[in-house]
Amino acid sequence: MKLDVVDLENDITKITLSGRLDIKGALDIDSEFTAVAEAKKNVVVDLSDVTFLASLGIRTLIVGAKATANNGGKLVLMNPQPNVEAVLRSSNVDTVMPIINVTTPLAAVFGV
C-alpha cells in the first residue's frame, strides 16, 4: 500500500492511496494516515487506485474521519473502484464519511 499526501487550495489535503487496503496495507499506512488526519481539517482520500478493501482498512478510514471531525473538519472518500465502493456502502461507511466522484468540486464539498 502506497500513501501520498498533497496540500491543495482552500486548505484541503489530498491523500492518495494505491494498492490493497487489506491487513498488511492498512498496517503499512495506519500511523501516517492517522497523523495526517489529526493534523488537517479538510481531507479528501483518493481511492481510485485501491483494488481491495478489508475490515482493517475500513477501520483506518473511520479513525481518520473521527480525527478530522475532532478538528472541526471532515474526511471525504473520492472515486473508489466499484468493488471497493460496494464494500464501503454495504458496511455503511458512507454514513460516516461522504463518497464523491471527481466531478464534484472539492471546495464545494468542504464549503470553502
N, C-alpha and C. Protein backbone atom coordinates (compact mmCIF):
# COMPACT_ATOMS: atom_id res chain seq x y z
N MET A 1 0.84 -1.17 0.00
CA MET A 1 0.00 0.00 0.00
C MET A 1 0.89 1.23 0.00
N LYS A 2 0.57 2.15 -0.88
CA LYS A 2 1.31 3.40 -1.01
C LYS A 2 0.41 4.55 -0.60
N LEU A 3 0.97 5.53 0.10
CA LEU A 3 0.25 6.72 0.55
C LEU A 3 1.01 7.96 0.12
N ASP A 4 0.32 8.87 -0.58
CA ASP A 4 0.90 10.16 -0.96
C ASP A 4 0.01 11.26 -0.42
N VAL A 5 0.63 12.35 0.05
CA VAL A 5 -0.11 13.47 0.62
C VAL A 5 0.25 14.74 -0.14
N VAL A 6 -0.78 15.49 -0.55
CA VAL A 6 -0.58 16.76 -1.26
C VAL A 6 -1.54 17.78 -0.65
N ASP A 7 -1.02 18.98 -0.35
CA ASP A 7 -1.88 20.07 0.09
C ASP A 7 -2.41 20.79 -1.13
N LEU A 8 -3.73 20.94 -1.21
CA LEU A 8 -4.40 21.62 -2.31
C LEU A 8 -4.83 23.02 -1.89
N GLU A 9 -5.50 23.72 -2.79
CA GLU A 9 -6.04 25.04 -2.47
C GLU A 9 -7.12 24.93 -1.41
N ASN A 10 -7.46 26.07 -0.82
CA ASN A 10 -8.56 26.18 0.14
C ASN A 10 -8.38 25.30 1.37
N ASP A 11 -7.13 25.09 1.77
CA ASP A 11 -6.83 24.32 2.98
C ASP A 11 -7.37 22.89 2.93
N ILE A 12 -7.34 22.29 1.74
CA ILE A 12 -7.75 20.90 1.55
C ILE A 12 -6.51 20.05 1.35
N THR A 13 -6.47 18.92 2.02
CA THR A 13 -5.36 17.98 1.88
C THR A 13 -5.87 16.73 1.18
N LYS A 14 -5.13 16.29 0.17
CA LYS A 14 -5.50 15.09 -0.58
C LYS A 14 -4.53 13.96 -0.23
N ILE A 15 -5.11 12.85 0.22
CA ILE A 15 -4.34 11.64 0.46
C ILE A 15 -4.70 10.67 -0.66
N THR A 16 -3.70 10.22 -1.38
CA THR A 16 -3.92 9.24 -2.44
C THR A 16 -3.39 7.89 -1.96
N LEU A 17 -4.27 6.90 -1.97
CA LEU A 17 -3.89 5.55 -1.59
C LEU A 17 -3.83 4.67 -2.84
N SER A 18 -2.83 3.80 -2.90
CA SER A 18 -2.66 2.89 -4.04
C SER A 18 -2.32 1.50 -3.53
N GLY A 19 -3.02 0.50 -4.05
CA GLY A 19 -2.74 -0.88 -3.68
C GLY A 19 -3.91 -1.53 -2.99
N ARG A 20 -3.60 -2.52 -2.17
CA ARG A 20 -4.62 -3.27 -1.44
C ARG A 20 -4.70 -2.75 -0.01
N LEU A 21 -5.88 -2.33 0.40
CA LEU A 21 -6.07 -1.87 1.77
C LEU A 21 -6.59 -3.06 2.59
N ASP A 22 -5.75 -4.09 2.61
CA ASP A 22 -6.04 -5.30 3.38
C ASP A 22 -5.31 -5.16 4.72
N ILE A 23 -5.12 -6.25 5.43
CA ILE A 23 -4.48 -6.17 6.74
C ILE A 23 -3.08 -5.58 6.63
N LYS A 24 -2.27 -6.11 5.73
CA LYS A 24 -0.89 -5.61 5.57
C LYS A 24 -0.90 -4.16 5.10
N GLY A 25 -1.72 -3.84 4.10
CA GLY A 25 -1.78 -2.49 3.59
C GLY A 25 -2.21 -1.48 4.64
N ALA A 26 -3.22 -1.83 5.42
CA ALA A 26 -3.69 -0.94 6.48
C ALA A 26 -2.61 -0.72 7.53
N LEU A 27 -1.93 -1.78 7.93
CA LEU A 27 -0.85 -1.64 8.91
C LEU A 27 0.30 -0.80 8.36
N ASP A 28 0.56 -0.90 7.06
CA ASP A 28 1.64 -0.12 6.44
C ASP A 28 1.37 1.38 6.50
N ILE A 29 0.12 1.80 6.37
CA ILE A 29 -0.17 3.24 6.28
C ILE A 29 -0.86 3.82 7.52
N ASP A 30 -1.28 2.99 8.43
CA ASP A 30 -2.14 3.42 9.54
C ASP A 30 -1.60 4.62 10.30
N SER A 31 -0.37 4.58 10.76
CA SER A 31 0.15 5.68 11.59
C SER A 31 0.29 6.97 10.79
N GLU A 32 0.79 6.89 9.55
CA GLU A 32 0.94 8.10 8.74
C GLU A 32 -0.42 8.68 8.36
N PHE A 33 -1.37 7.82 8.00
CA PHE A 33 -2.72 8.27 7.64
C PHE A 33 -3.38 8.98 8.82
N THR A 34 -3.29 8.38 9.99
CA THR A 34 -3.88 8.98 11.19
C THR A 34 -3.20 10.29 11.55
N ALA A 35 -1.89 10.37 11.41
CA ALA A 35 -1.16 11.60 11.72
C ALA A 35 -1.61 12.74 10.80
N VAL A 36 -1.78 12.47 9.52
CA VAL A 36 -2.25 13.49 8.58
C VAL A 36 -3.67 13.91 8.96
N ALA A 37 -4.54 12.94 9.23
CA ALA A 37 -5.93 13.24 9.57
C ALA A 37 -6.02 14.06 10.86
N GLU A 38 -5.15 13.79 11.82
CA GLU A 38 -5.15 14.55 13.07
C GLU A 38 -4.65 15.98 12.87
N ALA A 39 -3.76 16.17 11.89
CA ALA A 39 -3.14 17.49 11.68
C ALA A 39 -3.93 18.38 10.74
N LYS A 40 -4.82 17.82 9.95
CA LYS A 40 -5.53 18.58 8.91
C LYS A 40 -7.01 18.67 9.23
N LYS A 41 -7.67 19.65 8.61
CA LYS A 41 -9.09 19.85 8.86
C LYS A 41 -9.96 19.27 7.75
N ASN A 42 -9.59 19.50 6.50
CA ASN A 42 -10.36 19.04 5.34
C ASN A 42 -9.52 18.06 4.54
N VAL A 43 -9.91 16.79 4.56
CA VAL A 43 -9.12 15.74 3.94
C VAL A 43 -9.96 14.99 2.92
N VAL A 44 -9.44 14.85 1.71
CA VAL A 44 -10.08 14.02 0.70
C VAL A 44 -9.13 12.83 0.44
N VAL A 45 -9.71 11.63 0.45
CA VAL A 45 -8.92 10.42 0.25
C VAL A 45 -9.27 9.84 -1.11
N ASP A 46 -8.31 9.88 -2.01
CA ASP A 46 -8.49 9.34 -3.36
C ASP A 46 -8.28 7.83 -3.32
N LEU A 47 -9.36 7.10 -3.56
CA LEU A 47 -9.33 5.63 -3.52
C LEU A 47 -9.32 5.00 -4.91
N SER A 48 -9.11 5.80 -5.94
CA SER A 48 -9.23 5.28 -7.31
C SER A 48 -8.22 4.17 -7.62
N ASP A 49 -7.10 4.12 -6.90
CA ASP A 49 -6.10 3.08 -7.14
C ASP A 49 -6.09 2.01 -6.06
N VAL A 50 -7.13 1.98 -5.22
CA VAL A 50 -7.25 0.93 -4.21
C VAL A 50 -8.05 -0.21 -4.83
N THR A 51 -7.43 -1.38 -4.90
CA THR A 51 -8.04 -2.52 -5.60
C THR A 51 -8.80 -3.47 -4.68
N PHE A 52 -8.58 -3.36 -3.36
CA PHE A 52 -9.23 -4.25 -2.41
C PHE A 52 -9.33 -3.53 -1.07
N LEU A 53 -10.43 -3.75 -0.35
CA LEU A 53 -10.64 -3.12 0.94
C LEU A 53 -11.13 -4.17 1.94
N ALA A 54 -10.38 -4.33 3.04
CA ALA A 54 -10.75 -5.26 4.10
C ALA A 54 -11.19 -4.47 5.34
N SER A 55 -11.64 -5.18 6.35
CA SER A 55 -12.18 -4.53 7.54
C SER A 55 -11.15 -3.66 8.26
N LEU A 56 -9.89 -4.06 8.30
CA LEU A 56 -8.88 -3.24 8.95
C LEU A 56 -8.66 -1.94 8.18
N GLY A 57 -8.80 -2.00 6.86
CA GLY A 57 -8.73 -0.78 6.05
C GLY A 57 -9.89 0.15 6.33
N ILE A 58 -11.07 -0.41 6.52
CA ILE A 58 -12.24 0.40 6.89
C ILE A 58 -11.98 1.09 8.23
N ARG A 59 -11.41 0.36 9.18
CA ARG A 59 -11.07 0.92 10.48
C ARG A 59 -10.12 2.11 10.33
N THR A 60 -9.12 1.98 9.49
CA THR A 60 -8.17 3.08 9.26
C THR A 60 -8.90 4.32 8.76
N LEU A 61 -9.81 4.14 7.81
CA LEU A 61 -10.57 5.27 7.27
C LEU A 61 -11.46 5.92 8.33
N ILE A 62 -12.11 5.11 9.14
CA ILE A 62 -13.01 5.64 10.18
C ILE A 62 -12.23 6.39 11.26
N VAL A 63 -11.09 5.86 11.66
CA VAL A 63 -10.25 6.56 12.64
C VAL A 63 -9.82 7.92 12.09
N GLY A 64 -9.47 7.95 10.79
CA GLY A 64 -9.11 9.22 10.16
C GLY A 64 -10.27 10.20 10.13
N ALA A 65 -11.46 9.69 9.84
CA ALA A 65 -12.65 10.55 9.80
C ALA A 65 -12.94 11.15 11.18
N LYS A 66 -12.79 10.35 12.21
CA LYS A 66 -13.00 10.85 13.58
C LYS A 66 -11.96 11.90 13.94
N ALA A 67 -10.73 11.69 13.51
CA ALA A 67 -9.66 12.65 13.80
C ALA A 67 -9.93 14.00 13.15
N THR A 68 -10.37 14.00 11.89
CA THR A 68 -10.67 15.27 11.23
C THR A 68 -11.90 15.92 11.84
N ALA A 69 -12.87 15.13 12.25
CA ALA A 69 -14.07 15.67 12.91
C ALA A 69 -13.69 16.35 14.22
N ASN A 70 -12.72 15.79 14.93
CA ASN A 70 -12.25 16.41 16.18
C ASN A 70 -11.61 17.77 15.94
N ASN A 71 -11.14 18.01 14.70
CA ASN A 71 -10.56 19.30 14.31
C ASN A 71 -11.62 20.24 13.75
N GLY A 72 -12.88 19.82 13.75
CA GLY A 72 -13.95 20.63 13.17
C GLY A 72 -14.03 20.50 11.66
N GLY A 73 -13.40 19.48 11.10
CA GLY A 73 -13.40 19.28 9.66
C GLY A 73 -14.08 17.99 9.28
N LYS A 74 -13.77 17.52 8.07
CA LYS A 74 -14.31 16.24 7.65
C LYS A 74 -13.39 15.55 6.67
N LEU A 75 -13.58 14.25 6.57
CA LEU A 75 -12.83 13.41 5.65
C LEU A 75 -13.82 12.88 4.62
N VAL A 76 -13.45 12.98 3.35
CA VAL A 76 -14.30 12.58 2.24
C VAL A 76 -13.56 11.54 1.41
N LEU A 77 -14.28 10.51 0.98
CA LEU A 77 -13.70 9.48 0.13
C LEU A 77 -14.03 9.79 -1.32
N MET A 78 -13.05 9.64 -2.20
CA MET A 78 -13.23 10.03 -3.60
C MET A 78 -12.88 8.89 -4.55
N ASN A 79 -13.75 8.68 -5.52
CA ASN A 79 -13.51 7.78 -6.66
C ASN A 79 -13.12 6.35 -6.32
N PRO A 80 -13.83 5.70 -5.40
CA PRO A 80 -13.48 4.29 -5.18
C PRO A 80 -13.87 3.44 -6.38
N GLN A 81 -13.10 2.39 -6.63
CA GLN A 81 -13.45 1.43 -7.66
C GLN A 81 -14.76 0.75 -7.26
N PRO A 82 -15.53 0.23 -8.22
CA PRO A 82 -16.85 -0.34 -7.90
C PRO A 82 -16.83 -1.38 -6.78
N ASN A 83 -15.85 -2.28 -6.79
CA ASN A 83 -15.81 -3.31 -5.74
C ASN A 83 -15.52 -2.70 -4.37
N VAL A 84 -14.67 -1.69 -4.32
CA VAL A 84 -14.35 -1.01 -3.06
C VAL A 84 -15.56 -0.20 -2.59
N GLU A 85 -16.22 0.49 -3.51
CA GLU A 85 -17.41 1.26 -3.15
C GLU A 85 -18.51 0.35 -2.61
N ALA A 86 -18.66 -0.82 -3.19
CA ALA A 86 -19.67 -1.76 -2.71
C ALA A 86 -19.40 -2.16 -1.26
N VAL A 87 -18.14 -2.38 -0.91
CA VAL A 87 -17.77 -2.73 0.47
C VAL A 87 -18.06 -1.55 1.39
N LEU A 88 -17.70 -0.34 0.96
CA LEU A 88 -17.94 0.85 1.79
C LEU A 88 -19.43 1.05 2.05
N ARG A 89 -20.23 0.91 1.02
CA ARG A 89 -21.68 1.14 1.17
C ARG A 89 -22.35 0.02 1.96
N SER A 90 -21.94 -1.22 1.72
CA SER A 90 -22.58 -2.35 2.44
C SER A 90 -22.23 -2.34 3.93
N SER A 91 -21.10 -1.72 4.28
CA SER A 91 -20.72 -1.62 5.69
C SER A 91 -21.14 -0.27 6.28
N ASN A 92 -21.91 0.52 5.51
CA ASN A 92 -22.46 1.81 5.94
C ASN A 92 -21.40 2.87 6.26
N VAL A 93 -20.21 2.72 5.69
CA VAL A 93 -19.18 3.73 5.88
C VAL A 93 -19.61 5.06 5.28
N ASP A 94 -20.43 5.01 4.23
CA ASP A 94 -20.89 6.25 3.59
C ASP A 94 -21.79 7.08 4.50
N THR A 95 -22.24 6.53 5.62
CA THR A 95 -23.00 7.33 6.59
C THR A 95 -22.07 8.09 7.53
N VAL A 96 -20.80 7.69 7.58
CA VAL A 96 -19.81 8.34 8.44
C VAL A 96 -19.01 9.37 7.66
N MET A 97 -18.71 9.06 6.40
CA MET A 97 -17.95 9.97 5.54
C MET A 97 -18.50 9.88 4.13
N PRO A 98 -18.67 11.03 3.47
CA PRO A 98 -19.25 11.03 2.12
C PRO A 98 -18.33 10.35 1.10
N ILE A 99 -18.96 9.77 0.09
CA ILE A 99 -18.25 9.22 -1.06
C ILE A 99 -18.62 10.09 -2.25
N ILE A 100 -17.61 10.66 -2.91
CA ILE A 100 -17.85 11.56 -4.04
C ILE A 100 -17.13 11.07 -5.29
N ASN A 101 -17.52 11.65 -6.43
CA ASN A 101 -16.83 11.42 -7.69
C ASN A 101 -15.98 12.64 -8.00
N VAL A 102 -14.98 12.47 -8.84
CA VAL A 102 -14.04 13.55 -9.15
C VAL A 102 -14.75 14.75 -9.78
N THR A 103 -15.95 14.56 -10.32
CA THR A 103 -16.65 15.66 -10.96
C THR A 103 -17.16 16.69 -9.95
N THR A 104 -17.23 16.33 -8.68
CA THR A 104 -17.67 17.25 -7.64
C THR A 104 -16.50 18.17 -7.27
N PRO A 105 -16.68 19.50 -7.36
CA PRO A 105 -15.60 20.41 -6.96
C PRO A 105 -15.30 20.26 -5.48
N LEU A 106 -14.04 20.08 -5.13
CA LEU A 106 -13.67 19.82 -3.74
C LEU A 106 -14.02 21.00 -2.84
N ALA A 107 -13.85 22.22 -3.31
CA ALA A 107 -14.18 23.39 -2.48
C ALA A 107 -15.64 23.35 -2.09
N ALA A 108 -16.52 22.92 -2.98
CA ALA A 108 -17.95 22.84 -2.67
C ALA A 108 -18.23 21.75 -1.64
N VAL A 109 -17.50 20.66 -1.69
CA VAL A 109 -17.69 19.56 -0.77
C VAL A 109 -17.39 20.00 0.66
N PHE A 110 -16.33 20.81 0.80
CA PHE A 110 -15.91 21.25 2.14
C PHE A 110 -16.51 22.61 2.52
N GLY A 111 -17.22 23.25 1.58
CA GLY A 111 -17.82 24.54 1.88
C GLY A 111 -16.80 25.65 2.06
N VAL A 112 -15.69 25.56 1.30
CA VAL A 112 -14.66 26.62 1.38
C VAL A 112 -14.53 27.34 0.06
